[in-house]
Amino acid sequence: MTDSTDLGAEDRKIVTLARSARARNGVPEGAAVRDETGRTYVAGTVALESLRLTALQTAVAMAVASGATSLEAAAVVSDAESPADADRAAVRDLGGADTPVFLAGPDGTVRVRVTAG
């Protein structure tokens, strides 16, 4: 486990935003990413009959659609034990292999910090 207070202010912010998205929307996961200019994109799980995206895939897609060219960091709040490979791949596609991905539990405690690579 990683104490969320060990994170910098900007990383704590995206974890908090991801947690808020999950709770507000009543979805299995919430996510947030920060782009190269410091803008943040927040999303929840998309579960339509014809479209299924994880929260982190949705946040990355929102960043791309808004013109982001790189990511500084990503966070997902979930009951999962580790970030999904598909989530890490989406972050890696935009942010590169060294982009940090934080996985926090529903209480906001960061459990895992990995890179997208």
PDB file of N, CA and C in Angstrom:
ATOM      1  N   MET A   1       0.836  -1.185   0.000  1.00  0.00           N
ATOM      2  CA  MET A   1       0.000   0.000   0.000  1.00  0.00           C
ATOM      3  C   MET A   1       0.878   1.244   0.000  1.00  0.00           C
ATOM      4  N   THR A   2       0.359   2.272  -0.611  1.00  0.00           N
ATOM      5  CA  THR A   2       1.029   3.555  -0.648  1.00  0.00           C
ATOM      6  C   THR A   2       0.135   4.564   0.033  1.00  0.00           C
ATOM      7  N   ASP A   3       0.676   5.279   0.982  1.00  0.00           N
ATOM      8  CA  ASP A   3      -0.097   6.307   1.657  1.00  0.00           C
ATOM      9  C   ASP A   3      -0.350   7.439   0.663  1.00  0.00           C
ATOM     10  N   SER A   4      -1.603   7.811   0.487  1.00  0.00           N
ATOM     11  CA  SER A   4      -1.935   8.856  -0.481  1.00  0.00           C
ATOM     12  C   SER A   4      -1.284  10.180  -0.135  1.00  0.00           C
ATOM     13  N   THR A   5      -0.913  10.364   1.127  1.00  0.00           N
ATOM     14  CA  THR A   5      -0.243  11.605   1.495  1.00  0.00           C
ATOM     15  C   THR A   5       1.188  11.639   0.975  1.00  0.00           C
ATOM     16  N   ASP A   6       1.721  10.495   0.528  1.00  0.00           N
ATOM     17  CA  ASP A   6       3.054  10.460  -0.064  1.00  0.00           C
ATOM     18  C   ASP A   6       3.059  11.007  -1.486  1.00  0.00           C
ATOM     19  N   LEU A   7       1.887  11.184  -2.064  1.00  0.00           N
ATOM     20  CA  LEU A   7       1.773  11.692  -3.419  1.00  0.00           C
ATOM     21  C   LEU A   7       1.901  13.203  -3.415  1.00  0.00           C
ATOM     22  N   GLY A   8       2.333  13.747  -4.551  1.00  0.00           N
ATOM     23  CA  GLY A   8       2.328  15.186  -4.709  1.00  0.00           C
ATOM     24  C   GLY A   8       0.903  15.698  -4.808  1.00  0.00           C
ATOM     25  N   ALA A   9       0.745  16.991  -4.666  1.00  0.00           N
ATOM     26  CA  ALA A   9      -0.593  17.591  -4.674  1.00  0.00           C
ATOM     27  C   ALA A   9      -1.354  17.303  -5.960  1.00  0.00           C
ATOM     28  N   GLU A  10      -0.686  17.377  -7.100  1.00  0.00           N
ATOM     29  CA  GLU A  10      -1.366  17.145  -8.377  1.00  0.00           C
ATOM     30  C   GLU A  10      -1.793  15.687  -8.538  1.00  0.00           C
ATOM     31  N   ASP A  11      -0.990  14.753  -8.024  1.00  0.00           N
ATOM     32  CA  ASP A  11      -1.364  13.341  -8.095  1.00  0.00           C
ATOM     33  C   ASP A  11      -2.503  13.031  -7.131  1.00  0.00           C
ATOM     34  N   ARG A  12      -2.471  13.621  -5.943  1.00  0.00           N
ATOM     35  CA  ARG A  12      -3.594  13.455  -5.002  1.00  0.00           C
ATOM     36  C   ARG A  12      -4.882  13.982  -5.630  1.00  0.00           C
ATOM     37  N   LYS A  13      -4.773  15.076  -6.370  1.00  0.00           N
ATOM     38  CA  LYS A  13      -5.947  15.680  -7.005  1.00  0.00           C
ATOM     39  C   LYS A  13      -6.596  14.716  -7.992  1.00  0.00           C
ATOM     40  N   ILE A  14      -5.807  14.036  -8.831  1.00  0.00           N
ATOM     41  CA  ILE A  14      -6.441  13.141  -9.801  1.00  0.00           C
ATOM     42  C   ILE A  14      -7.022  11.905  -9.132  1.00  0.00           C
ATOM     43  N   VAL A  15      -6.424  11.462  -8.025  1.00  0.00           N
ATOM     44  CA  VAL A  15      -7.006  10.345  -7.280  1.00  0.00           C
ATOM     45  C   VAL A  15      -8.352  10.776  -6.687  1.00  0.00           C
ATOM     46  N   THR A  16      -8.398  11.967  -6.127  1.00  0.00           N
ATOM     47  CA  THR A  16      -9.640  12.485  -5.552  1.00  0.00           C
ATOM     48  C   THR A  16     -10.713  12.655  -6.620  1.00  0.00           C
ATOM     49  N   LEU A  17     -10.329  13.179  -7.778  1.00  0.00           N
ATOM     50  CA  LEU A  17     -11.294  13.337  -8.865  1.00  0.00           C
ATOM     51  C   LEU A  17     -11.820  11.989  -9.354  1.00  0.00           C
ATOM     52  N   ALA A  18     -10.944  11.000  -9.455  1.00  0.00           N
ATOM     53  CA  ALA A  18     -11.356   9.661  -9.876  1.00  0.00           C
ATOM     54  C   ALA A  18     -12.332   9.064  -8.867  1.00  0.00           C
ATOM     55  N   ARG A  19     -12.035   9.240  -7.608  1.00  0.00           N
ATOM     56  CA  ARG A  19     -12.915   8.719  -6.547  1.00  0.00           C
ATOM     57  C   ARG A  19     -14.282   9.400  -6.608  1.00  0.00           C
ATOM     58  N   SER A  20     -14.285  10.696  -6.834  1.00  0.00           N
ATOM     59  CA  SER A  20     -15.540  11.443  -6.927  1.00  0.00           C
ATOM     60  C   SER A  20     -16.385  10.984  -8.110  1.00  0.00           C
ATOM     61  N   ALA A  21     -15.741  10.735  -9.251  1.00  0.00           N
ATOM     62  CA  ALA A  21     -16.472  10.279 -10.436  1.00  0.00           C
ATOM     63  C   ALA A  21     -17.140   8.934 -10.178  1.00  0.00           C
ATOM     64  N   ARG A  22     -16.422   8.052  -9.524  1.00  0.00           N
ATOM     65  CA  ARG A  22     -16.969   6.721  -9.212  1.00  0.00           C
ATOM     66  C   ARG A  22     -18.196   6.842  -8.313  1.00  0.00           C
ATOM     67  N   ALA A  23     -18.058   7.631  -7.260  1.00  0.00           N
ATOM     68  CA  ALA A  23     -19.154   7.779  -6.302  1.00  0.00           C
ATOM     69  C   ALA A  23     -20.336   8.531  -6.904  1.00  0.00           C
ATOM     70  N   ARG A  24     -20.066   9.612  -7.589  1.00  0.00           N
ATOM     71  CA  ARG A  24     -21.124  10.462  -8.152  1.00  0.00           C
ATOM     72  C   ARG A  24     -21.960   9.718  -9.192  1.00  0.00           C
ATOM     73  N   ASN A  25     -21.291   8.918 -10.010  1.00  0.00           N
ATOM     74  CA  ASN A  25     -21.983   8.241 -11.099  1.00  0.00           C
ATOM     75  C   ASN A  25     -22.432   6.825 -10.754  1.00  0.00           C
ATOM     76  N   GLY A  26     -22.036   6.330  -9.591  1.00  0.00           N
ATOM     77  CA  GLY A  26     -22.435   4.992  -9.181  1.00  0.00           C
ATOM     78  C   GLY A  26     -21.937   3.916 -10.133  1.00  0.00           C
ATOM     79  N   VAL A  27     -20.711   4.072 -10.609  1.00  0.00           N
ATOM     80  CA  VAL A  27     -20.115   3.138 -11.565  1.00  0.00           C
ATOM     81  C   VAL A  27     -19.011   2.329 -10.886  1.00  0.00           C
ATOM     82  N   PRO A  28     -18.627   1.190 -11.470  1.00  0.00           N
ATOM     83  CA  PRO A  28     -17.597   0.356 -10.849  1.00  0.00           C
ATOM     84  C   PRO A  28     -16.226   1.017 -10.720  1.00  0.00           C
ATOM     85  N   GLU A  29     -15.912   1.918 -11.646  1.00  0.00           N
ATOM     86  CA  GLU A  29     -14.606   2.586 -11.615  1.00  0.00           C
ATOM     87  C   GLU A  29     -14.753   4.065 -11.954  1.00  0.00           C
ATOM     88  N   GLY A  30     -13.865   4.843 -11.375  1.00  0.00           N
ATOM     89  CA  GLY A  30     -13.713   6.245 -11.745  1.00  0.00           C
ATOM     90  C   GLY A  30     -12.260   6.451 -12.100  1.00  0.00           C
ATOM     91  N   ALA A  31     -11.978   7.379 -13.003  1.00  0.00           N
ATOM     92  CA  ALA A  31     -10.598   7.617 -13.412  1.00  0.00           C
ATOM     93  C   ALA A  31     -10.395   9.088 -13.724  1.00  0.00           C
ATOM     94  N   ALA A  32      -9.127   9.481 -13.670  1.00  0.00           N
ATOM     95  CA  ALA A  32      -8.744  10.837 -14.060  1.00  0.00           C
ATOM     96  C   ALA A  32      -7.340  10.782 -14.631  1.00  0.00           C
ATOM     97  N   VAL A  33      -7.101  11.623 -15.625  1.00  0.00           N
ATOM     98  CA  VAL A  33      -5.765  11.762 -16.203  1.00  0.00           C
ATOM     99  C   VAL A  33      -5.407  13.241 -16.230  1.00  0.00           C
ATOM    100  N   ARG A  34      -4.109  13.515 -16.215  1.00  0.00           N
ATOM    101  CA  ARG A  34      -3.596  14.882 -16.314  1.00  0.00           C
ATOM    102  C   ARG A  34      -2.729  14.966 -17.562  1.00  0.00           C
ATOM    103  N   ASP A  35      -3.011  15.948 -18.412  1.00  0.00           N
ATOM    104  CA  ASP A  35      -2.245  16.056 -19.650  1.00  0.00           C
ATOM    105  C   ASP A  35      -1.004  16.933 -19.463  1.00  0.00           C
ATOM    106  N   GLU A  36      -0.301  17.148 -20.562  1.00  0.00           N
ATOM    107  CA  GLU A  36       0.975  17.867 -20.536  1.00  0.00           C
ATOM    108  C   GLU A  36       0.838  19.336 -20.146  1.00  0.00           C
ATOM    109  N   THR A  37      -0.371  19.873 -20.199  1.00  0.00           N
ATOM    110  CA  THR A  37      -0.577  21.268 -19.805  1.00  0.00           C
ATOM    111  C   THR A  37      -1.181  21.396 -18.413  1.00  0.00           C
ATOM    112  N   GLY A  38      -1.425  20.261 -17.759  1.00  0.00           N
ATOM    113  CA  GLY A  38      -2.014  20.269 -16.428  1.00  0.00           C
ATOM    114  C   GLY A  38      -3.527  20.140 -16.410  1.00  0.00           C
ATOM    115  N   ARG A  39      -4.146  20.074 -17.591  1.00  0.00           N
ATOM    116  CA  ARG A  39      -5.595  19.875 -17.629  1.00  0.00           C
ATOM    117  C   ARG A  39      -5.921  18.460 -17.177  1.00  0.00           C
ATOM    118  N   THR A  40      -7.077  18.322 -16.520  1.00  0.00           N
ATOM    119  CA  THR A  40      -7.498  17.000 -16.071  1.00  0.00           C
ATOM    120  C   THR A  40      -8.775  16.596 -16.784  1.00  0.00           C
ATOM    121  N   TYR A  41      -8.907  15.289 -16.957  1.00  0.00           N
ATOM    122  CA  TYR A  41     -10.070  14.699 -17.600  1.00  0.00           C
ATOM    123  C   TYR A  41     -10.548  13.593 -16.682  1.00  0.00           C
ATOM    124  N   VAL A  42     -11.830  13.614 -16.352  1.00  0.00           N
ATOM    125  CA  VAL A  42     -12.400  12.702 -15.368  1.00  0.00           C
ATOM    126  C   VAL A  42     -13.525  11.908 -16.023  1.00  0.00           C
ATOM    127  N   ALA A  43     -13.580  10.615 -15.732  1.00  0.00           N
ATOM    128  CA  ALA A  43     -14.588   9.766 -16.358  1.00  0.00           C
ATOM    129  C   ALA A  43     -14.941   8.589 -15.465  1.00  0.00           C
ATOM    130  N   GLY A  44     -16.060   7.993 -15.794  1.00  0.00           N
ATOM    131  CA  GLY A  44     -16.485   6.747 -15.167  1.00  0.00           C
ATOM    132  C   GLY A  44     -16.572   5.655 -16.211  1.00  0.00           C
ATOM    133  N   THR A  45     -16.848   4.471 -15.756  1.00  0.00           N
ATOM    134  CA  THR A  45     -17.030   3.322 -16.631  1.00  0.00           C
ATOM    135  C   THR A  45     -18.172   3.588 -17.610  1.00  0.00           C
ATOM    136  N   VAL A  46     -17.981   3.198 -18.873  1.00  0.00           N
ATOM    137  CA  VAL A  46     -19.041   3.284 -19.878  1.00  0.00           C
ATOM    138  C   VAL A  46     -19.492   1.855 -20.162  1.00  0.00           C
ATOM    139  N   ALA A  47     -20.764   1.590 -19.918  1.00  0.00           N
ATOM    140  CA  ALA A  47     -21.303   0.238 -20.122  1.00  0.00           C
ATOM    141  C   ALA A  47     -22.616   0.318 -20.885  1.00  0.00           C
ATOM    142  N   LEU A  48     -22.488   0.553 -22.183  1.00  0.00           N
ATOM    143  CA  LEU A  48     -23.646   0.560 -23.064  1.00  0.00           C
ATOM    144  C   LEU A  48     -23.731  -0.783 -23.773  1.00  0.00           C
ATOM    145  N   GLU A  49     -24.861  -1.054 -24.351  1.00  0.00           N
ATOM    146  CA  GLU A  49     -24.998  -2.310 -25.077  1.00  0.00           C
ATOM    147  C   GLU A  49     -23.988  -2.416 -26.223  1.00  0.00           C
ATOM    148  N   SER A  50     -23.746  -1.298 -26.890  1.00  0.00           N
ATOM    149  CA  SER A  50     -22.853  -1.320 -28.056  1.00  0.00           C
ATOM    150  C   SER A  50     -21.455  -0.783 -27.778  1.00  0.00           C
ATOM    151  N   LEU A  51     -21.188  -0.309 -26.564  1.00  0.00           N
ATOM    152  CA  LEU A  51     -19.887   0.284 -26.257  1.00  0.00           C
ATOM    153  C   LEU A  51     -19.517   0.028 -24.804  1.00  0.00           C
ATOM    154  N   ARG A  52     -18.370  -0.550 -24.604  1.00  0.00           N
ATOM    155  CA  ARG A  52     -17.859  -0.803 -23.246  1.00  0.00           C
ATOM    156  C   ARG A  52     -16.446  -0.266 -23.139  1.00  0.00           C
ATOM    157  N   LEU A  53     -16.247   0.657 -22.200  1.00  0.00           N
ATOM    158  CA  LEU A  53     -14.930   1.226 -21.941  1.00  0.00           C
ATOM    159  C   LEU A  53     -14.715   1.287 -20.441  1.00  0.00           C
ATOM    160  N   THR A  54     -13.497   1.009 -20.032  1.00  0.00           N
ATOM    161  CA  THR A  54     -13.173   1.214 -18.629  1.00  0.00           C
ATOM    162  C   THR A  54     -13.134   2.719 -18.365  1.00  0.00           C
ATOM    163  N   ALA A  55     -13.160   3.080 -17.121  1.00  0.00           N
ATOM    164  CA  ALA A  55     -13.103   4.495 -16.763  1.00  0.00           C
ATOM    165  C   ALA A  55     -11.814   5.134 -17.277  1.00  0.00           C
ATOM    166  N   LEU A  56     -10.698   4.423 -17.154  1.00  0.00           N
ATOM    167  CA  LEU A  56      -9.425   5.003 -17.591  1.00  0.00           C
ATOM    168  C   LEU A  56      -9.363   5.127 -19.113  1.00  0.00           C
ATOM    169  N   GLN A  57      -9.887   4.154 -19.831  1.00  0.00           N
ATOM    170  CA  GLN A  57      -9.947   4.272 -21.291  1.00  0.00           C
ATOM    171  C   GLN A  57     -10.792   5.491 -21.686  1.00  0.00           C
ATOM    172  N   THR A  58     -11.887   5.707 -20.980  1.00  0.00           N
ATOM    173  CA  THR A  58     -12.754   6.842 -21.276  1.00  0.00           C
ATOM    174  C   THR A  58     -12.048   8.164 -20.995  1.00  0.00           C
ATOM    175  N   ALA A  59     -11.339   8.242 -19.873  1.00  0.00           N
ATOM    176  CA  ALA A  59     -10.608   9.475 -19.541  1.00  0.00           C
ATOM    177  C   ALA A  59      -9.521   9.765 -20.576  1.00  0.00           C
ATOM    178  N   VAL A  60      -8.807   8.731 -21.015  1.00  0.00           N
ATOM    179  CA  VAL A  60      -7.782   8.914 -22.044  1.00  0.00           C
ATOM    180  C   VAL A  60      -8.436   9.378 -23.347  1.00  0.00           C
ATOM    181  N   ALA A  61      -9.555   8.770 -23.713  1.00  0.00           N
ATOM    182  CA  ALA A  61     -10.258   9.175 -24.934  1.00  0.00           C
ATOM    183  C   ALA A  61     -10.709  10.630 -24.853  1.00  0.00           C
ATOM    184  N   MET A  62     -11.181  11.058 -23.687  1.00  0.00           N
ATOM    185  CA  MET A  62     -11.585  12.450 -23.509  1.00  0.00           C
ATOM    186  C   MET A  62     -10.393  13.385 -23.686  1.00  0.00           C
ATOM    187  N   ALA A  63      -9.248  12.994 -23.158  1.00  0.00           N
ATOM    188  CA  ALA A  63      -8.042  13.814 -23.302  1.00  0.00           C
ATOM    189  C   ALA A  63      -7.654  13.944 -24.775  1.00  0.00           C
ATOM    190  N   VAL A  64      -7.649  12.820 -25.476  1.00  0.00           N
ATOM    191  CA  VAL A  64      -7.307  12.828 -26.904  1.00  0.00           C
ATOM    192  C   VAL A  64      -8.297  13.700 -27.675  1.00  0.00           C
ATOM    193  N   ALA A  65      -9.581  13.527 -27.409  1.00  0.00           N
ATOM    194  CA  ALA A  65     -10.612  14.282 -28.114  1.00  0.00           C
ATOM    195  C   ALA A  65     -10.514  15.784 -27.839  1.00  0.00           C
ATOM    196  N   SER A  66      -9.894  16.140 -26.720  1.00  0.00           N
ATOM    197  CA  SER A  66      -9.727  17.549 -26.362  1.00  0.00           C
ATOM    198  C   SER A  66      -8.404  18.126 -26.839  1.00  0.00           C
ATOM    199  N   GLY A  67      -7.605  17.309 -27.523  1.00  0.00           N
ATOM    200  CA  GLY A  67      -6.361  17.811 -28.093  1.00  0.00           C
ATOM    201  C   GLY A  67      -5.101  17.538 -27.304  1.00  0.00           C
ATOM    202  N   ALA A  68      -5.196  16.770 -26.233  1.00  0.00           N
ATOM    203  CA  ALA A  68      -3.988  16.440 -25.467  1.00  0.00           C
ATOM    204  C   ALA A  68      -3.031  15.641 -26.338  1.00  0.00           C
ATOM    205  N   THR A  69      -1.747  15.913 -26.174  1.00  0.00           N
ATOM    206  CA  THR A  69      -0.733  15.180 -26.937  1.00  0.00           C
ATOM    207  C   THR A  69       0.123  14.288 -26.058  1.00  0.00           C
ATOM    208  N   SER A  70      -0.052  14.406 -24.744  1.00  0.00           N
ATOM    209  CA  SER A  70       0.728  13.593 -23.810  1.00  0.00           C
ATOM    210  C   SER A  70       0.021  13.570 -22.462  1.00  0.00           C
ATOM    211  N   LEU A  71       0.356  12.588 -21.637  1.00  0.00           N
ATOM    212  CA  LEU A  71      -0.170  12.508 -20.275  1.00  0.00           C
ATOM    213  C   LEU A  71       0.973  12.563 -19.280  1.00  0.00           C
ATOM    214  N   GLU A  72       0.719  13.233 -18.164  1.00  0.00           N
ATOM    215  CA  GLU A  72       1.693  13.268 -17.068  1.00  0.00           C
ATOM    216  C   GLU A  72       1.420  12.168 -16.054  1.00  0.00           C
ATOM    217  N   ALA A  73       0.137  11.832 -15.832  1.00  0.00           N
ATOM    218  CA  ALA A  73      -0.218  10.831 -14.827  1.00  0.00           C
ATOM    219  C   ALA A  73      -1.659  10.397 -15.023  1.00  0.00           C
ATOM    220  N   ALA A  74      -1.972   9.230 -14.461  1.00  0.00           N
ATOM    221  CA  ALA A  74      -3.321   8.679 -14.537  1.00  0.00           C
ATOM    222  C   ALA A  74      -3.665   8.035 -13.198  1.00  0.00           C
ATOM    223  N   ALA A  75      -4.951   8.055 -12.865  1.00  0.00           N
ATOM    224  CA  ALA A  75      -5.417   7.413 -11.637  1.00  0.00           C
ATOM    225  C   ALA A  75      -6.742   6.719 -11.910  1.00  0.00           C
ATOM    226  N   VAL A  76      -6.910   5.580 -11.264  1.00  0.00           N
ATOM    227  CA  VAL A  76      -8.177   4.857 -11.351  1.00  0.00           C
ATOM    228  C   VAL A  76      -8.554   4.404  -9.948  1.00  0.00           C
ATOM    229  N   VAL A  77      -9.837   4.518  -9.624  1.00  0.00           N
ATOM    230  CA  VAL A  77     -10.367   4.050  -8.353  1.00  0.00           C
ATOM    231  C   VAL A  77     -11.259   2.863  -8.658  1.00  0.00           C
ATOM    232  N   SER A  78     -10.932   1.743  -8.027  1.00  0.00           N
ATOM    233  CA  SER A  78     -11.583   0.483  -8.369  1.00  0.00           C
ATOM    234  C   SER A  78     -11.408  -0.513  -7.230  1.00  0.00           C
ATOM    235  N   ASP A  79     -12.182  -1.580  -7.292  1.00  0.00           N
ATOM    236  CA  ASP A  79     -11.991  -2.697  -6.375  1.00  0.00           C
ATOM    237  C   ASP A  79     -10.914  -3.651  -6.876  1.00  0.00           C
ATOM    238  N   ALA A  80     -10.400  -3.431  -8.080  1.00  0.00           N
ATOM    239  CA  ALA A  80      -9.403  -4.320  -8.683  1.00  0.00           C
ATOM    240  C   ALA A  80      -8.105  -4.325  -7.874  1.00  0.00           C
ATOM    241  N   GLU A  81      -7.347  -5.384  -8.046  1.00  0.00           N
ATOM    242  CA  GLU A  81      -6.064  -5.523  -7.350  1.00  0.00           C
ATOM    243  C   GLU A  81      -4.911  -4.861  -8.093  1.00  0.00           C
ATOM    244  N   SER A  82      -5.081  -4.690  -9.418  1.00  0.00           N
ATOM    245  CA  SER A  82      -4.038  -4.054 -10.221  1.00  0.00           C
ATOM    246  C   SER A  82      -4.693  -3.399 -11.431  1.00  0.00           C
ATOM    247  N   PRO A  83      -4.040  -2.405 -12.012  1.00  0.00           N
ATOM    248  CA  PRO A  83      -4.607  -1.773 -13.210  1.00  0.00           C
ATOM    249  C   PRO A  83      -4.698  -2.791 -14.352  1.00  0.00           C
ATOM    250  N   ALA A  84      -5.781  -2.743 -15.092  1.00  0.00           N
ATOM    251  CA  ALA A  84      -5.972  -3.649 -16.223  1.00  0.00           C
ATOM    252  C   ALA A  84      -4.944  -3.361 -17.311  1.00  0.00           C
ATOM    253  N   ASP A  85      -4.543  -4.416 -18.008  1.00  0.00           N
ATOM    254  CA  ASP A  85      -3.584  -4.253 -19.105  1.00  0.00           C
ATOM    255  C   ASP A  85      -4.102  -3.272 -20.150  1.00  0.00           C
ATOM    256  N   ALA A  86      -5.393  -3.327 -20.448  1.00  0.00           N
ATOM    257  CA  ALA A  86      -5.976  -2.420 -21.444  1.00  0.00           C
ATOM    258  C   ALA A  86      -5.892  -0.966 -20.983  1.00  0.00           C
ATOM    259  N   ASP A  87      -6.026  -0.736 -19.677  1.00  0.00           N
ATOM    260  CA  ASP A  87      -5.900   0.616 -19.134  1.00  0.00           C
ATOM    261  C   ASP A  87      -4.475   1.120 -19.270  1.00  0.00           C
ATOM    262  N   ARG A  88      -3.534   0.284 -18.901  1.00  0.00           N
ATOM    263  CA  ARG A  88      -2.129   0.680 -19.011  1.00  0.00           C
ATOM    264  C   ARG A  88      -1.755   0.939 -20.468  1.00  0.00           C
ATOM    265  N   ALA A  89      -2.293   0.145 -21.376  1.00  0.00           N
ATOM    266  CA  ALA A  89      -2.005   0.334 -22.803  1.00  0.00           C
ATOM    267  C   ALA A  89      -2.545   1.678 -23.293  1.00  0.00           C
ATOM    268  N   ALA A  90      -3.751   2.043 -22.877  1.00  0.00           N
ATOM    269  CA  ALA A  90      -4.329   3.321 -23.293  1.00  0.00           C
ATOM    270  C   ALA A  90      -3.483   4.486 -22.787  1.00  0.00           C
ATOM    271  N   VAL A  91      -3.039   4.406 -21.540  1.00  0.00           N
ATOM    272  CA  VAL A  91      -2.181   5.459 -20.979  1.00  0.00           C
ATOM    273  C   VAL A  91      -0.849   5.490 -21.721  1.00  0.00           C
ATOM    274  N   ARG A  92      -0.289   4.337 -21.981  1.00  0.00           N
ATOM    275  CA  ARG A  92       0.994   4.239 -22.695  1.00  0.00           C
ATOM    276  C   ARG A  92       0.899   4.830 -24.095  1.00  0.00           C
ATOM    277  N   ASP A  93      -0.214   4.596 -24.792  1.00  0.00           N
ATOM    278  CA  ASP A  93      -0.400   5.125 -26.139  1.00  0.00           C
ATOM    279  C   ASP A  93      -0.286   6.645 -26.184  1.00  0.00           C
ATOM    280  N   LEU A  94      -0.795   7.314 -25.169  1.00  0.00           N
ATOM    281  CA  LEU A  94      -0.771   8.773 -25.157  1.00  0.00           C
ATOM    282  C   LEU A  94       0.363   9.333 -24.313  1.00  0.00           C
ATOM    283  N   GLY A  95       0.670   8.665 -23.219  1.00  0.00           N
ATOM    284  CA  GLY A  95       1.641   9.236 -22.288  1.00  0.00           C
ATOM    285  C   GLY A  95       3.033   8.656 -22.357  1.00  0.00           C
ATOM    286  N   GLY A  96       3.165   7.469 -22.916  1.00  0.00           N
ATOM    287  CA  GLY A  96       4.462   6.812 -22.937  1.00  0.00           C
ATOM    288  C   GLY A  96       4.584   5.799 -21.810  1.00  0.00           C
ATOM    289  N   ALA A  97       5.607   4.969 -21.917  1.00  0.00           N
ATOM    290  CA  ALA A  97       5.793   3.852 -20.993  1.00  0.00           C
ATOM    291  C   ALA A  97       6.078   4.277 -19.562  1.00  0.00           C
ATOM    292  N   ASP A  98       6.625   5.468 -19.360  1.00  0.00           N
ATOM    293  CA  ASP A  98       7.008   5.899 -18.009  1.00  0.00           C
ATOM    294  C   ASP A  98       5.909   6.654 -17.264  1.00  0.00           C
ATOM    295  N   THR A  99       4.760   6.833 -17.878  1.00  0.00           N
ATOM    296  CA  THR A  99       3.675   7.564 -17.230  1.00  0.00           C
ATOM    297  C   THR A  99       3.171   6.790 -16.015  1.00  0.00           C
ATOM    298  N   PRO A 100       3.126   7.427 -14.843  1.00  0.00           N
ATOM    299  CA  PRO A 100       2.629   6.719 -13.658  1.00  0.00           C
ATOM    300  C   PRO A 100       1.121   6.499 -13.707  1.00  0.00           C
ATOM    301  N   VAL A 101       0.724   5.321 -13.244  1.00  0.00           N
ATOM    302  CA  VAL A 101      -0.690   4.958 -13.132  1.00  0.00           C
ATOM    303  C   VAL A 101      -0.924   4.575 -11.669  1.00  0.00           C
ATOM    304  N   PHE A 102      -1.808   5.289 -11.010  1.00  0.00           N
ATOM    305  CA  PHE A 102      -2.133   5.024  -9.608  1.00  0.00           C
ATOM    306  C   PHE A 102      -3.451   4.278  -9.538  1.00  0.00           C
ATOM    307  N   LEU A 103      -3.485   3.221  -8.753  1.00  0.00           N
ATOM    308  CA  LEU A 103      -4.721   2.487  -8.500  1.00  0.00           C
ATOM    309  C   LEU A 103      -5.068   2.674  -7.034  1.00  0.00           C
ATOM    310  N   ALA A 104      -6.254   3.230  -6.801  1.00  0.00           N
ATOM    311  CA  ALA A 104      -6.712   3.454  -5.431  1.00  0.00           C
ATOM    312  C   ALA A 104      -7.978   2.655  -5.181  1.00  0.00           C
ATOM    313  N   GLY A 105      -8.184   2.319  -3.938  1.00  0.00           N
ATOM    314  CA  GLY A 105      -9.417   1.656  -3.542  1.00  0.00           C
ATOM    315  C   GLY A 105     -10.535   2.675  -3.405  1.00  0.00           C
ATOM    316  N   PRO A 106     -11.749   2.211  -3.167  1.00  0.00           N
ATOM    317  CA  PRO A 106     -12.904   3.114  -3.041  1.00  0.00           C
ATOM    318  C   PRO A 106     -12.737   4.176  -1.957  1.00  0.00           C
ATOM    319  N   ASP A 107     -11.891   3.899  -0.956  1.00  0.00           N
ATOM    320  CA  ASP A 107     -11.659   4.887   0.100  1.00  0.00           C
ATOM    321  C   ASP A 107     -10.618   5.932  -0.292  1.00  0.00           C
ATOM    322  N   GLY A 108     -10.045   5.812  -1.494  1.00  0.00           N
ATOM    323  CA  GLY A 108      -9.056   6.769  -1.967  1.00  0.00           C
ATOM    324  C   GLY A 108      -7.627   6.431  -1.629  1.00  0.00           C
ATOM    325  N   THR A 109      -7.417   5.335  -0.895  1.00  0.00           N
ATOM    326  CA  THR A 109      -6.053   4.930  -0.554  1.00  0.00           C
ATOM    327  C   THR A 109      -5.387   4.306  -1.769  1.00  0.00           C
ATOM    328  N   VAL A 110      -4.248   4.864  -2.161  1.00  0.00           N
ATOM    329  CA  VAL A 110      -3.519   4.329  -3.305  1.00  0.00           C
ATOM    330  C   VAL A 110      -2.898   3.000  -2.897  1.00  0.00           C
ATOM    331  N   ARG A 111      -3.254   1.959  -3.644  1.00  0.00           N
ATOM    332  CA  ARG A 111      -2.763   0.611  -3.350  1.00  0.00           C
ATOM    333  C   ARG A 111      -1.600   0.219  -4.252  1.00  0.00           C
ATOM    334  N   VAL A 112      -1.599   0.750  -5.472  1.00  0.00           N
ATOM    335  CA  VAL A 112      -0.592   0.359  -6.455  1.00  0.00           C
ATOM    336  C   VAL A 112      -0.174   1.587  -7.239  1.00  0.00           C
ATOM    337  N   ARG A 113       1.131   1.690  -7.470  1.00  0.00           N
ATOM    338  CA  ARG A 113       1.672   2.682  -8.399  1.00  0.00           C
ATOM    339  C   ARG A 113       2.545   1.921  -9.375  1.00  0.00           C
ATOM    340  N   VAL A 114       2.177   1.980 -10.651  1.00  0.00           N
ATOM    341  CA  VAL A 114       2.950   1.320 -11.698  1.00  0.00           C
ATOM    342  C   VAL A 114       3.181   2.345 -12.806  1.00  0.00           C
ATOM    343  N   THR A 115       3.971   1.948 -13.776  1.00  0.00           N
ATOM    344  CA  THR A 115       4.090   2.779 -14.972  1.00  0.00           C
ATOM    345  C   THR A 115       3.232   2.144 -16.066  1.00  0.00           C
ATOM    346  N   ALA A 116       2.931   2.942 -17.068  1.00  0.00           N
ATOM    347  CA  ALA A 116       2.092   2.447 -18.158  1.00  0.00           C
ATOM    348  C   ALA A 116       2.803   1.377 -18.977  1.00  0.00           C
ATOM    349  N   GLY A 117       4.119   1.388 -18.937  1.00  0.00           N
ATOM    350  CA  GLY A 117       4.910   0.422 -19.726  1.00  0.00           C
ATOM    351  C   GLY A 117       4.867  -0.922 -19.150  1.00  0.00           C
TER     352      GLY A 117
END
